[in-house]
Amino acid sequence: MVNEGGHRSQEEGQKKKTAVVEDKKARIVTFSKRRSALFKKASELSAMCGAEVAIITFSPSGKPYAFGSPSVEKIINKYTADNNITVPPPTLTVSAQSSRLAQLYKEYAELQAELEAEERRGEELRRRRPRDYPDISKMNCEELAEYKAKLEDFKRRMEEHFENLNKNNAV
C-alpha cells in the first residue's frame, strides 16, 4: 500500500517469510501449485523475451519435473556440447501426464468400440452359418469316408465352375 507521503508501507515492502510446510499432504499440494506457477512464469518469460529457459525440479518424493523452451534437452545439450554430455528426456509433467492419460483413455474407448463391433460381427456370422454341417466328432469311419467323398465331389464341381467363369470372363 502507498501511504499519504507516497511511500510504500512497511507491510508491502517486506517479503513474506517462507518456511517448510510441515504437513506432508499440504507440502505436496504446495509443491504442485508452486511448480505449475513457476513453469507458467518461465513460459511467459520465454514467450515475451525470446529467452531460452530450462527448469528441472524434484518433488518432495524425489520425482523429477522439467520445463524447457524450446526444450530442456536442447538447452542443456547446447551448453554442455563441449563436454560431450547428453541429457535424457525428462519425465512427463503432471499436465503432460494428464494429457497423455486422456489420450490413452480415448484410444482405449476406440479400441473397446472396435472390439464390440467385431464381437457383434462374429455373432452375426455365427447366426448366418448354415446349421446342416454334421458333427464329425460323432461319425464312425464309414460315415467319415462317405462325408469326405461328398466334400471332394463338391470341391471338384466348384473348381470346374470357377474355371468356366474364368474362361467366360477372359473372352
C-alpha atoms as a PDB file:
ATOM      1  CA  MET A   1       0.000   0.000   0.000  1.00  0.00           C
ATOM      2  CA  VAL A   2       1.061   3.584  -0.550  1.00  0.00           C
ATOM      3  CA  ASN A   3       0.716   5.920   2.420  1.00  0.00           C
ATOM      4  CA  GLU A   4      -0.025   9.655   2.318  1.00  0.00           C
ATOM      5  CA  GLY A   5       3.603  10.516   1.688  1.00  0.00           C
ATOM      6  CA  GLY A   6       3.623   8.379  -1.476  1.00  0.00           C
ATOM      7  CA  HIS A   7       5.841   5.780   0.133  1.00  0.00           C
ATOM      8  CA  ARG A   8       5.156   2.107   0.451  1.00  0.00           C
ATOM      9  CA  SER A   9       4.077   0.893   3.788  1.00  0.00           C
ATOM     10  CA  GLN A  10       6.396  -1.398   5.631  1.00  0.00           C
ATOM     11  CA  GLU A  11       3.969  -4.319   5.261  1.00  0.00           C
ATOM     12  CA  GLU A  12       4.023  -4.254   1.473  1.00  0.00           C
ATOM     13  CA  GLY A  13       7.750  -3.697   1.199  1.00  0.00           C
ATOM     14  CA  GLN A  14       8.542  -6.724   3.293  1.00  0.00           C
ATOM     15  CA  LYS A  15       8.581 -10.108   1.717  1.00  0.00           C
ATOM     16  CA  LYS A  16       6.550 -12.885   3.161  1.00  0.00           C
ATOM     17  CA  LYS A  17       8.714 -15.247   5.153  1.00  0.00           C
ATOM     18  CA  THR A  18       8.934 -18.729   3.745  1.00  0.00           C
ATOM     19  CA  ALA A  19       9.171 -21.835   5.839  1.00  0.00           C
ATOM     20  CA  VAL A  20       8.927 -25.532   5.202  1.00  0.00           C
ATOM     21  CA  VAL A  21       5.355 -26.721   5.065  1.00  0.00           C
ATOM     22  CA  GLU A  22       5.240 -29.289   7.843  1.00  0.00           C
ATOM     23  CA  ASP A  23       2.115 -31.223   6.830  1.00  0.00           C
ATOM     24  CA  LYS A  24       3.079 -33.786   4.171  1.00  0.00           C
ATOM     25  CA  LYS A  25      -0.153 -33.519   2.139  1.00  0.00           C
ATOM     26  CA  ALA A  26      -0.090 -29.735   2.274  1.00  0.00           C
ATOM     27  CA  ARG A  27       3.572 -29.787   1.185  1.00  0.00           C
ATOM     28  CA  ILE A  28       2.715 -31.931  -1.862  1.00  0.00           C
ATOM     29  CA  VAL A  29      -0.161 -29.627  -2.808  1.00  0.00           C
ATOM     30  CA  THR A  30       2.025 -26.550  -2.301  1.00  0.00           C
ATOM     31  CA  PHE A  31       4.782 -28.069  -4.429  1.00  0.00           C
ATOM     32  CA  SER A  32       2.364 -28.890  -7.228  1.00  0.00           C
ATOM     33  CA  LYS A  33       0.807 -25.418  -7.269  1.00  0.00           C
ATOM     34  CA  ARG A  34       4.136 -23.597  -6.991  1.00  0.00           C
ATOM     35  CA  ARG A  35       5.720 -25.797  -9.673  1.00  0.00           C
ATOM     36  CA  SER A  36       2.854 -25.075 -12.051  1.00  0.00           C
ATOM     37  CA  ALA A  37       3.153 -21.337 -11.354  1.00  0.00           C
ATOM     38  CA  LEU A  38       6.935 -21.481 -11.823  1.00  0.00           C
ATOM     39  CA  PHE A  39       6.590 -23.270 -15.169  1.00  0.00           C
ATOM     40  CA  LYS A  40       3.919 -20.774 -16.255  1.00  0.00           C
ATOM     41  CA  LYS A  41       6.196 -17.827 -15.423  1.00  0.00           C
ATOM     42  CA  ALA A  42       9.080 -19.495 -17.266  1.00  0.00           C
ATOM     43  CA  SER A  43       6.840 -19.976 -20.290  1.00  0.00           C
ATOM     44  CA  GLU A  44       5.821 -16.300 -20.175  1.00  0.00           C
ATOM     45  CA  LEU A  45       9.469 -15.222 -19.886  1.00  0.00           C
ATOM     46  CA  SER A  46      10.361 -17.295 -22.923  1.00  0.00           C
ATOM     47  CA  ALA A  47       7.386 -16.053 -24.956  1.00  0.00           C
ATOM     48  CA  MET A  48       7.761 -12.389 -24.045  1.00  0.00           C
ATOM     49  CA  CYS A  49      11.531 -12.085 -24.194  1.00  0.00           C
ATOM     50  CA  GLY A  50      12.594 -14.874 -26.502  1.00  0.00           C
ATOM     51  CA  ALA A  51      14.683 -16.312 -23.690  1.00  0.00           C
ATOM     52  CA  GLU A  52      15.748 -19.916 -23.599  1.00  0.00           C
ATOM     53  CA  VAL A  53      14.514 -21.370 -20.316  1.00  0.00           C
ATOM     54  CA  ALA A  54      15.181 -24.726 -18.695  1.00  0.00           C
ATOM     55  CA  ILE A  55      13.944 -25.676 -15.247  1.00  0.00           C
ATOM     56  CA  ILE A  56      14.376 -29.014 -13.532  1.00  0.00           C
ATOM     57  CA  THR A  57      12.869 -29.524 -10.108  1.00  0.00           C
ATOM     58  CA  PHE A  58      12.269 -32.530  -7.891  1.00  0.00           C
ATOM     59  CA  SER A  59       9.158 -33.162  -5.834  1.00  0.00           C
ATOM     60  CA  PRO A  60       9.398 -33.898  -2.113  1.00  0.00           C
ATOM     61  CA  SER A  61       9.189 -37.587  -3.043  1.00  0.00           C
ATOM     62  CA  GLY A  62      12.111 -37.190  -5.460  1.00  0.00           C
ATOM     63  CA  LYS A  63      10.161 -37.301  -8.727  1.00  0.00           C
ATOM     64  CA  PRO A  64      11.739 -35.056 -11.393  1.00  0.00           C
ATOM     65  CA  TYR A  65       9.759 -32.432 -13.314  1.00  0.00           C
ATOM     66  CA  ALA A  66      11.112 -30.335 -16.131  1.00  0.00           C
ATOM     67  CA  PHE A  67      10.120 -27.379 -18.268  1.00  0.00           C
ATOM     68  CA  GLY A  68      12.044 -26.108 -21.231  1.00  0.00           C
ATOM     69  CA  SER A  69      11.535 -23.681 -24.038  1.00  0.00           C
ATOM     70  CA  PRO A  70      12.339 -24.775 -26.675  1.00  0.00           C
ATOM     71  CA  SER A  71      13.116 -27.946 -24.652  1.00  0.00           C
ATOM     72  CA  VAL A  72      15.166 -28.891 -21.633  1.00  0.00           C
ATOM     73  CA  GLU A  73      17.247 -31.342 -23.674  1.00  0.00           C
ATOM     74  CA  LYS A  74      18.081 -28.804 -26.402  1.00  0.00           C
ATOM     75  CA  ILE A  75      19.078 -26.110 -23.932  1.00  0.00           C
ATOM     76  CA  ILE A  76      21.201 -28.328 -21.704  1.00  0.00           C
ATOM     77  CA  ASN A  77      22.794 -30.086 -24.678  1.00  0.00           C
ATOM     78  CA  LYS A  78      23.554 -26.665 -26.210  1.00  0.00           C
ATOM     79  CA  TYR A  79      25.518 -25.610 -23.140  1.00  0.00           C
ATOM     80  CA  THR A  80      27.110 -28.980 -22.436  1.00  0.00           C
ATOM     81  CA  ALA A  81      28.035 -29.898 -26.027  1.00  0.00           C
ATOM     82  CA  ASP A  82      31.728 -29.204 -25.380  1.00  0.00           C
ATOM     83  CA  ASN A  83      31.723 -31.755 -22.558  1.00  0.00           C
ATOM     84  CA  ASN A  84      30.017 -34.474 -24.622  1.00  0.00           C
ATOM     85  CA  ILE A  85      27.244 -34.695 -22.050  1.00  0.00           C
ATOM     86  CA  THR A  86      23.758 -35.583 -23.240  1.00  0.00           C
ATOM     87  CA  VAL A  87      20.599 -35.277 -21.224  1.00  0.00           C
ATOM     88  CA  PRO A  88      17.895 -37.922 -21.283  1.00  0.00           C
ATOM     89  CA  PRO A  89      14.322 -36.711 -21.803  1.00  0.00           C
ATOM     90  CA  PRO A  90      12.624 -35.718 -18.550  1.00  0.00           C
ATOM     91  CA  THR A  91       9.614 -37.495 -17.166  1.00  0.00           C
ATOM     92  CA  LEU A  92       6.283 -36.005 -18.120  1.00  0.00           C
ATOM     93  CA  THR A  93       4.921 -33.102 -16.105  1.00  0.00           C
ATOM     94  CA  VAL A  94       1.560 -33.516 -14.425  1.00  0.00           C
ATOM     95  CA  SER A  95      -0.243 -31.635 -17.187  1.00  0.00           C
ATOM     96  CA  ALA A  96       1.528 -33.692 -19.855  1.00  0.00           C
ATOM     97  CA  GLN A  97       0.706 -36.849 -17.904  1.00  0.00           C
ATOM     98  CA  SER A  98      -2.942 -35.809 -17.731  1.00  0.00           C
ATOM     99  CA  SER A  99      -2.964 -35.090 -21.447  1.00  0.00           C
ATOM    100  CA  ARG A 100      -1.327 -38.444 -22.223  1.00  0.00           C
ATOM    101  CA  LEU A 101      -3.748 -40.213 -19.888  1.00  0.00           C
ATOM    102  CA  ALA A 102      -6.707 -38.574 -21.634  1.00  0.00           C
ATOM    103  CA  GLN A 103      -5.265 -39.663 -24.989  1.00  0.00           C
ATOM    104  CA  LEU A 104      -4.854 -43.239 -23.725  1.00  0.00           C
ATOM    105  CA  TYR A 105      -8.424 -43.286 -22.396  1.00  0.00           C
ATOM    106  CA  LYS A 106      -9.648 -42.100 -25.798  1.00  0.00           C
ATOM    107  CA  GLU A 107      -7.638 -44.803 -27.575  1.00  0.00           C
ATOM    108  CA  TYR A 108      -8.961 -47.378 -25.113  1.00  0.00           C
ATOM    109  CA  ALA A 109     -12.562 -46.307 -25.777  1.00  0.00           C
ATOM    110  CA  GLU A 110     -11.983 -46.520 -29.545  1.00  0.00           C
ATOM    111  CA  LEU A 111     -10.429 -49.968 -29.251  1.00  0.00           C
ATOM    112  CA  GLN A 112     -13.228 -51.095 -26.954  1.00  0.00           C
ATOM    113  CA  ALA A 113     -15.797 -49.915 -29.526  1.00  0.00           C
ATOM    114  CA  GLU A 114     -13.904 -51.758 -32.290  1.00  0.00           C
ATOM    115  CA  LEU A 115     -13.814 -54.916 -30.176  1.00  0.00           C
ATOM    116  CA  GLU A 116     -17.556 -54.714 -29.504  1.00  0.00           C
ATOM    117  CA  ALA A 117     -18.235 -54.186 -33.224  1.00  0.00           C
ATOM    118  CA  GLU A 118     -16.094 -57.218 -34.101  1.00  0.00           C
ATOM    119  CA  GLU A 119     -17.890 -59.297 -31.472  1.00  0.00           C
ATOM    120  CA  ARG A 120     -21.258 -58.281 -32.959  1.00  0.00           C
ATOM    121  CA  ARG A 121     -19.956 -59.104 -36.437  1.00  0.00           C
ATOM    122  CA  GLY A 122     -18.752 -62.521 -35.234  1.00  0.00           C
ATOM    123  CA  GLU A 123     -22.122 -63.216 -33.648  1.00  0.00           C
ATOM    124  CA  GLU A 124     -23.875 -62.235 -36.878  1.00  0.00           C
ATOM    125  CA  LEU A 125     -21.612 -64.561 -38.862  1.00  0.00           C
ATOM    126  CA  ARG A 126     -22.315 -67.383 -36.412  1.00  0.00           C
ATOM    127  CA  ARG A 127     -26.068 -66.804 -36.868  1.00  0.00           C
ATOM    128  CA  ARG A 128     -25.732 -66.891 -40.673  1.00  0.00           C
ATOM    129  CA  ARG A 129     -23.660 -70.090 -40.702  1.00  0.00           C
ATOM    130  CA  PRO A 130     -25.588 -73.000 -42.168  1.00  0.00           C
ATOM    131  CA  ARG A 131     -26.794 -75.372 -39.499  1.00  0.00           C
ATOM    132  CA  ASP A 132     -26.607 -78.513 -41.644  1.00  0.00           C
ATOM    133  CA  TYR A 133     -22.920 -79.197 -41.101  1.00  0.00           C
ATOM    134  CA  PRO A 134     -22.676 -82.595 -39.485  1.00  0.00           C
ATOM    135  CA  ASP A 135     -20.768 -83.078 -36.250  1.00  0.00           C
ATOM    136  CA  ILE A 136     -17.792 -85.112 -37.498  1.00  0.00           C
ATOM    137  CA  SER A 137     -16.699 -85.929 -33.954  1.00  0.00           C
ATOM    138  CA  LYS A 138     -19.736 -88.224 -33.705  1.00  0.00           C
ATOM    139  CA  MET A 139     -19.113 -90.050 -37.023  1.00  0.00           C
ATOM    140  CA  ASN A 140     -17.648 -93.517 -37.359  1.00  0.00           C
ATOM    141  CA  CYS A 141     -15.074 -94.397 -40.054  1.00  0.00           C
ATOM    142  CA  GLU A 142     -17.667 -95.340 -42.714  1.00  0.00           C
ATOM    143  CA  GLU A 143     -19.611 -92.101 -42.211  1.00  0.00           C
ATOM    144  CA  LEU A 144     -16.423 -90.030 -42.317  1.00  0.00           C
ATOM    145  CA  ALA A 145     -15.325 -91.691 -45.576  1.00  0.00           C
ATOM    146  CA  GLU A 146     -18.732 -91.008 -47.149  1.00  0.00           C
ATOM    147  CA  TYR A 147     -18.694 -87.379 -45.965  1.00  0.00           C
ATOM    148  CA  LYS A 148     -15.143 -86.938 -47.291  1.00  0.00           C
ATOM    149  CA  ALA A 149     -16.206 -88.245 -50.715  1.00  0.00           C
ATOM    150  CA  LYS A 150     -19.103 -85.758 -50.805  1.00  0.00           C
ATOM    151  CA  LEU A 151     -16.752 -82.876 -49.908  1.00  0.00           C
ATOM    152  CA  GLU A 152     -14.250 -83.905 -52.591  1.00  0.00           C
ATOM    153  CA  ASP A 153     -17.056 -84.076 -55.177  1.00  0.00           C
ATOM    154  CA  PHE A 154     -18.250 -80.634 -54.092  1.00  0.00           C
ATOM    155  CA  LYS A 155     -14.699 -79.278 -54.359  1.00  0.00           C
ATOM    156  CA  ARG A 156     -14.305 -80.748 -57.895  1.00  0.00           C
ATOM    157  CA  ARG A 157     -17.603 -79.216 -59.077  1.00  0.00           C
ATOM    158  CA  MET A 158     -16.684 -75.857 -57.518  1.00  0.00           C
ATOM    159  CA  GLU A 159     -13.277 -75.823 -59.293  1.00  0.00           C
ATOM    160  CA  GLU A 160     -14.952 -76.676 -62.621  1.00  0.00           C
ATOM    161  CA  HIS A 161     -17.448 -73.884 -62.147  1.00  0.00           C
ATOM    162  CA  PHE A 162     -14.636 -71.457 -61.256  1.00  0.00           C
ATOM    163  CA  GLU A 163     -12.681 -72.422 -64.397  1.00  0.00           C
ATOM    164  CA  ASN A 164     -15.793 -71.895 -66.562  1.00  0.00           C
ATOM    165  CA  LEU A 165     -16.319 -68.466 -65.037  1.00  0.00           C
ATOM    166  CA  ASN A 166     -12.696 -67.520 -65.738  1.00  0.00           C
ATOM    167  CA  LYS A 167     -12.974 -68.707 -69.360  1.00  0.00           C
ATOM    168  CA  ASN A 168     -16.152 -66.688 -69.896  1.00  0.00           C
ATOM    169  CA  ASN A 169     -14.619 -63.575 -68.344  1.00  0.00           C
ATOM    170  CA  ALA A 170     -11.464 -63.895 -70.447  1.00  0.00           C
ATOM    171  CA  VAL A 171     -13.476 -63.693 -73.676  1.00  0.00           C
END
